[in-house]
Amino acid sequence: MNQDSQEIASQSSIVEEVKTELNDIDAREVSEHSERYEALHQKLQETLSGIDGL
């Protein structure tokens, strides 16, 4: 597997993780949503920064 294929697979994995996390958040009490959304937001920021090479 070349580097481009690995990056695409990694990005797809991240998308699946985010989708799973959003579904999990939806199943939780509303009082827990804010903290979970903040953690998910941080993960997305880190991922996007890594993709952009910032």
PDB file of N, CA and C in Angstrom:
ATOM      1  N   MET A   1       0.852  -1.173   0.000  1.00  0.00           N
ATOM      2  CA  MET A   1       0.000   0.000   0.000  1.00  0.00           C
ATOM      3  C   MET A   1       0.900   1.240   0.000  1.00  0.00           C
ATOM      4  N   ASN A   2       0.682   2.157  -0.958  1.00  0.00           N
ATOM      5  CA  ASN A   2       1.521   3.344  -1.011  1.00  0.00           C
ATOM      6  C   ASN A   2       1.009   4.397  -0.032  1.00  0.00           C
ATOM      7  N   GLN A   3       1.762   5.481   0.090  1.00  0.00           N
ATOM      8  CA  GLN A   3       1.455   6.507   1.081  1.00  0.00           C
ATOM      9  C   GLN A   3       0.087   7.148   0.829  1.00  0.00           C
ATOM     10  N   ASP A   4      -0.264   7.418  -0.430  1.00  0.00           N
ATOM     11  CA  ASP A   4      -1.563   8.015  -0.736  1.00  0.00           C
ATOM     12  C   ASP A   4      -2.700   7.090  -0.301  1.00  0.00           C
ATOM     13  N   SER A   5      -2.559   5.814  -0.554  1.00  0.00           N
ATOM     14  CA  SER A   5      -3.578   4.842  -0.163  1.00  0.00           C
ATOM     15  C   SER A   5      -3.706   4.766   1.352  1.00  0.00           C
ATOM     16  N   GLN A   6      -2.578   4.843   2.045  1.00  0.00           N
ATOM     17  CA  GLN A   6      -2.590   4.816   3.505  1.00  0.00           C
ATOM     18  C   GLN A   6      -3.285   6.053   4.063  1.00  0.00           C
ATOM     19  N   GLU A   7      -3.034   7.209   3.477  1.00  0.00           N
ATOM     20  CA  GLU A   7      -3.667   8.445   3.934  1.00  0.00           C
ATOM     21  C   GLU A   7      -5.174   8.399   3.711  1.00  0.00           C
ATOM     22  N   ILE A   8      -5.600   7.886   2.568  1.00  0.00           N
ATOM     23  CA  ILE A   8      -7.034   7.774   2.277  1.00  0.00           C
ATOM     24  C   ILE A   8      -7.685   6.807   3.257  1.00  0.00           C
ATOM     25  N   ALA A   9      -7.039   5.683   3.527  1.00  0.00           N
ATOM     26  CA  ALA A   9      -7.573   4.711   4.476  1.00  0.00           C
ATOM     27  C   ALA A   9      -7.663   5.324   5.867  1.00  0.00           C
ATOM     28  N   SER A  10      -6.660   6.080   6.252  1.00  0.00           N
ATOM     29  CA  SER A  10      -6.653   6.736   7.557  1.00  0.00           C
ATOM     30  C   SER A  10      -7.776   7.762   7.655  1.00  0.00           C
ATOM     31  N   GLN A  11      -7.967   8.543   6.600  1.00  0.00           N
ATOM     32  CA  GLN A  11      -9.031   9.548   6.577  1.00  0.00           C
ATOM     33  C   GLN A  11     -10.399   8.879   6.644  1.00  0.00           C
ATOM     34  N   SER A  12     -10.563   7.772   5.940  1.00  0.00           N
ATOM     35  CA  SER A  12     -11.828   7.040   5.981  1.00  0.00           C
ATOM     36  C   SER A  12     -12.081   6.506   7.379  1.00  0.00           C
ATOM     37  N   SER A  13     -11.033   6.044   8.028  1.00  0.00           N
ATOM     38  CA  SER A  13     -11.149   5.540   9.389  1.00  0.00           C
ATOM     39  C   SER A  13     -11.585   6.656  10.337  1.00  0.00           C
ATOM     40  N   ILE A  14     -11.030   7.824  10.162  1.00  0.00           N
ATOM     41  CA  ILE A  14     -11.385   8.963  11.002  1.00  0.00           C
ATOM     42  C   ILE A  14     -12.841   9.341  10.794  1.00  0.00           C
ATOM     43  N   VAL A  15     -13.287   9.323   9.552  1.00  0.00           N
ATOM     44  CA  VAL A  15     -14.692   9.629   9.255  1.00  0.00           C
ATOM     45  C   VAL A  15     -15.598   8.630   9.952  1.00  0.00           C
ATOM     46  N   GLU A  16     -15.244   7.355   9.897  1.00  0.00           N
ATOM     47  CA  GLU A  16     -16.051   6.325  10.569  1.00  0.00           C
ATOM     48  C   GLU A  16     -16.049   6.528  12.084  1.00  0.00           C
ATOM     49  N   GLU A  17     -14.907   6.887  12.647  1.00  0.00           N
ATOM     50  CA  GLU A  17     -14.826   7.146  14.088  1.00  0.00           C
ATOM     51  C   GLU A  17     -15.723   8.315  14.487  1.00  0.00           C
ATOM     52  N   VAL A  18     -15.712   9.364  13.682  1.00  0.00           N
ATOM     53  CA  VAL A  18     -16.542  10.534  13.964  1.00  0.00           C
ATOM     54  C   VAL A  18     -18.022  10.165  13.877  1.00  0.00           C
ATOM     55  N   LYS A  19     -18.390   9.421  12.863  1.00  0.00           N
ATOM     56  CA  LYS A  19     -19.782   9.003  12.720  1.00  0.00           C
ATOM     57  C   LYS A  19     -20.214   8.160  13.921  1.00  0.00           C
ATOM     58  N   THR A  20     -19.358   7.247  14.345  1.00  0.00           N
ATOM     59  CA  THR A  20     -19.662   6.413  15.503  1.00  0.00           C
ATOM     60  C   THR A  20     -19.809   7.269  16.756  1.00  0.00           C
ATOM     61  N   GLU A  21     -18.900   8.206  16.930  1.00  0.00           N
ATOM     62  CA  GLU A  21     -18.949   9.089  18.098  1.00  0.00           C
ATOM     63  C   GLU A  21     -20.223   9.930  18.088  1.00  0.00           C
ATOM     64  N   LEU A  22     -20.614  10.455  16.939  1.00  0.00           N
ATOM     65  CA  LEU A  22     -21.842  11.243  16.856  1.00  0.00           C
ATOM     66  C   LEU A  22     -23.068  10.393  17.208  1.00  0.00           C
ATOM     67  N   ASN A  23     -23.092   9.163  16.750  1.00  0.00           N
ATOM     68  CA  ASN A  23     -24.189   8.266  17.109  1.00  0.00           C
ATOM     69  C   ASN A  23     -24.199   7.983  18.605  1.00  0.00           C
ATOM     70  N   ASP A  24     -23.020   7.819  19.175  1.00  0.00           N
ATOM     71  CA  ASP A  24     -22.915   7.572  20.611  1.00  0.00           C
ATOM     72  C   ASP A  24     -23.386   8.789  21.405  1.00  0.00           C
ATOM     73  N   ILE A  25     -22.995   9.969  20.951  1.00  0.00           N
ATOM     74  CA  ILE A  25     -23.426  11.201  21.616  1.00  0.00           C
ATOM     75  C   ILE A  25     -24.949  11.293  21.578  1.00  0.00           C
ATOM     76  N   ASP A  26     -25.527  10.971  20.456  1.00  0.00           N
ATOM     77  CA  ASP A  26     -26.975  11.040  20.299  1.00  0.00           C
ATOM     78  C   ASP A  26     -27.697  10.132  21.296  1.00  0.00           C
ATOM     79  N   ALA A  27     -27.064   9.026  21.655  1.00  0.00           N
ATOM     80  CA  ALA A  27     -27.669   8.073  22.578  1.00  0.00           C
ATOM     81  C   ALA A  27     -27.483   8.474  24.045  1.00  0.00           C
ATOM     82  N   ARG A  28     -26.681   9.488  24.317  1.00  0.00           N
ATOM     83  CA  ARG A  28     -26.391   9.917  25.689  1.00  0.00           C
ATOM     84  C   ARG A  28     -27.374  10.968  26.168  1.00  0.00           C
ATOM     85  N   GLU A  29     -27.323  11.203  27.457  1.00  0.00           N
ATOM     86  CA  GLU A  29     -28.122  12.275  28.046  1.00  0.00           C
ATOM     87  C   GLU A  29     -27.654  13.614  27.485  1.00  0.00           C
ATOM     88  N   VAL A  30     -28.592  14.527  27.317  1.00  0.00           N
ATOM     89  CA  VAL A  30     -28.271  15.845  26.758  1.00  0.00           C
ATOM     90  C   VAL A  30     -27.209  16.551  27.598  1.00  0.00           C
ATOM     91  N   SER A  31     -27.211  16.326  28.882  1.00  0.00           N
ATOM     92  CA  SER A  31     -26.234  16.971  29.764  1.00  0.00           C
ATOM     93  C   SER A  31     -24.797  16.577  29.441  1.00  0.00           C
ATOM     94  N   GLU A  32     -24.603  15.461  28.750  1.00  0.00           N
ATOM     95  CA  GLU A  32     -23.265  14.994  28.384  1.00  0.00           C
ATOM     96  C   GLU A  32     -22.823  15.484  27.009  1.00  0.00           C
ATOM     97  N   HIS A  33     -23.731  16.018  26.230  1.00  0.00           N
ATOM     98  CA  HIS A  33     -23.429  16.375  24.842  1.00  0.00           C
ATOM     99  C   HIS A  33     -22.306  17.397  24.718  1.00  0.00           C
ATOM    100  N   SER A  34     -22.358  18.450  25.493  1.00  0.00           N
ATOM    101  CA  SER A  34     -21.378  19.531  25.347  1.00  0.00           C
ATOM    102  C   SER A  34     -19.943  19.029  25.488  1.00  0.00           C
ATOM    103  N   GLU A  35     -19.692  18.278  26.540  1.00  0.00           N
ATOM    104  CA  GLU A  35     -18.342  17.770  26.777  1.00  0.00           C
ATOM    105  C   GLU A  35     -17.897  16.841  25.646  1.00  0.00           C
ATOM    106  N   ARG A  36     -18.795  15.998  25.193  1.00  0.00           N
ATOM    107  CA  ARG A  36     -18.464  15.058  24.120  1.00  0.00           C
ATOM    108  C   ARG A  36     -18.231  15.783  22.801  1.00  0.00           C
ATOM    109  N   TYR A  37     -19.062  16.797  22.514  1.00  0.00           N
ATOM    110  CA  TYR A  37     -18.865  17.581  21.293  1.00  0.00           C
ATOM    111  C   TYR A  37     -17.530  18.326  21.325  1.00  0.00           C
ATOM    112  N   GLU A  38     -17.166  18.850  22.485  1.00  0.00           N
ATOM    113  CA  GLU A  38     -15.882  19.551  22.610  1.00  0.00           C
ATOM    114  C   GLU A  38     -14.716  18.603  22.312  1.00  0.00           C
ATOM    115  N   ALA A  39     -14.776  17.393  22.846  1.00  0.00           N
ATOM    116  CA  ALA A  39     -13.711  16.411  22.609  1.00  0.00           C
ATOM    117  C   ALA A  39     -13.658  16.025  21.134  1.00  0.00           C
ATOM    118  N   LEU A  40     -14.818  15.852  20.533  1.00  0.00           N
ATOM    119  CA  LEU A  40     -14.873  15.508  19.114  1.00  0.00           C
ATOM    120  C   LEU A  40     -14.344  16.661  18.255  1.00  0.00           C
ATOM    121  N   HIS A  41     -14.701  17.871  18.619  1.00  0.00           N
ATOM    122  CA  HIS A  41     -14.215  19.045  17.900  1.00  0.00           C
ATOM    123  C   HIS A  41     -12.687  19.122  17.954  1.00  0.00           C
ATOM    124  N   GLN A  42     -12.123  18.868  19.122  1.00  0.00           N
ATOM    125  CA  GLN A  42     -10.664  18.890  19.273  1.00  0.00           C
ATOM    126  C   GLN A  42     -10.017  17.832  18.377  1.00  0.00           C
ATOM    127  N   LYS A  43     -10.604  16.645  18.353  1.00  0.00           N
ATOM    128  CA  LYS A  43     -10.071  15.563  17.518  1.00  0.00           C
ATOM    129  C   LYS A  43     -10.107  15.954  16.044  1.00  0.00           C
ATOM    130  N   LEU A  44     -11.206  16.550  15.611  1.00  0.00           N
ATOM    131  CA  LEU A  44     -11.323  16.987  14.217  1.00  0.00           C
ATOM    132  C   LEU A  44     -10.310  18.078  13.887  1.00  0.00           C
ATOM    133  N   GLN A  45     -10.105  19.017  14.801  1.00  0.00           N
ATOM    134  CA  GLN A  45      -9.118  20.081  14.564  1.00  0.00           C
ATOM    135  C   GLN A  45      -7.725  19.492  14.414  1.00  0.00           C
ATOM    136  N   GLU A  46      -7.376  18.554  15.283  1.00  0.00           N
ATOM    137  CA  GLU A  46      -6.048  17.930  15.203  1.00  0.00           C
ATOM    138  C   GLU A  46      -5.892  17.174  13.883  1.00  0.00           C
ATOM    139  N   THR A  47      -6.921  16.474  13.502  1.00  0.00           N
ATOM    140  CA  THR A  47      -6.871  15.703  12.254  1.00  0.00           C
ATOM    141  C   THR A  47      -6.719  16.619  11.054  1.00  0.00           C
ATOM    142  N   LEU A  48      -7.518  17.676  10.999  1.00  0.00           N
ATOM    143  CA  LEU A  48      -7.440  18.603   9.874  1.00  0.00           C
ATOM    144  C   LEU A  48      -6.093  19.326   9.831  1.00  0.00           C
ATOM    145  N   SER A  49      -5.565  19.658  10.985  1.00  0.00           N
ATOM    146  CA  SER A  49      -4.248  20.296  11.022  1.00  0.00           C
ATOM    147  C   SER A  49      -3.186  19.366  10.463  1.00  0.00           C
ATOM    148  N   GLY A  50      -3.298  18.086  10.769  1.00  0.00           N
ATOM    149  CA  GLY A  50      -2.339  17.091  10.268  1.00  0.00           C
ATOM    150  C   GLY A  50      -2.442  16.919   8.758  1.00  0.00           C
ATOM    151  N   ILE A  51      -3.654  16.971   8.245  1.00  0.00           N
ATOM    152  CA  ILE A  51      -3.858  16.843   6.800  1.00  0.00           C
ATOM    153  C   ILE A  51      -3.277  18.036   6.073  1.00  0.00           C
ATOM    154  N   ASP A  52      -3.508  19.217   6.626  1.00  0.00           N
ATOM    155  CA  ASP A  52      -3.027  20.446   6.008  1.00  0.00           C
ATOM    156  C   ASP A  52      -1.541  20.660   6.231  1.00  0.00           C
ATOM    157  N   GLY A  53      -0.964  19.899   7.169  1.00  0.00           N
ATOM    158  CA  GLY A  53       0.451  20.046   7.464  1.00  0.00           C
ATOM    159  C   GLY A  53       0.767  21.318   8.233  1.00  0.00           C
ATOM    160  N   LEU A  54      -0.213  21.804   8.982  1.00  0.00           N
ATOM    161  CA  LEU A  54      -0.009  23.047   9.731  1.00  0.00           C
ATOM    162  C   LEU A  54       0.669  22.807  11.036  1.00  0.00           C
TER     163      LEU A  54
END
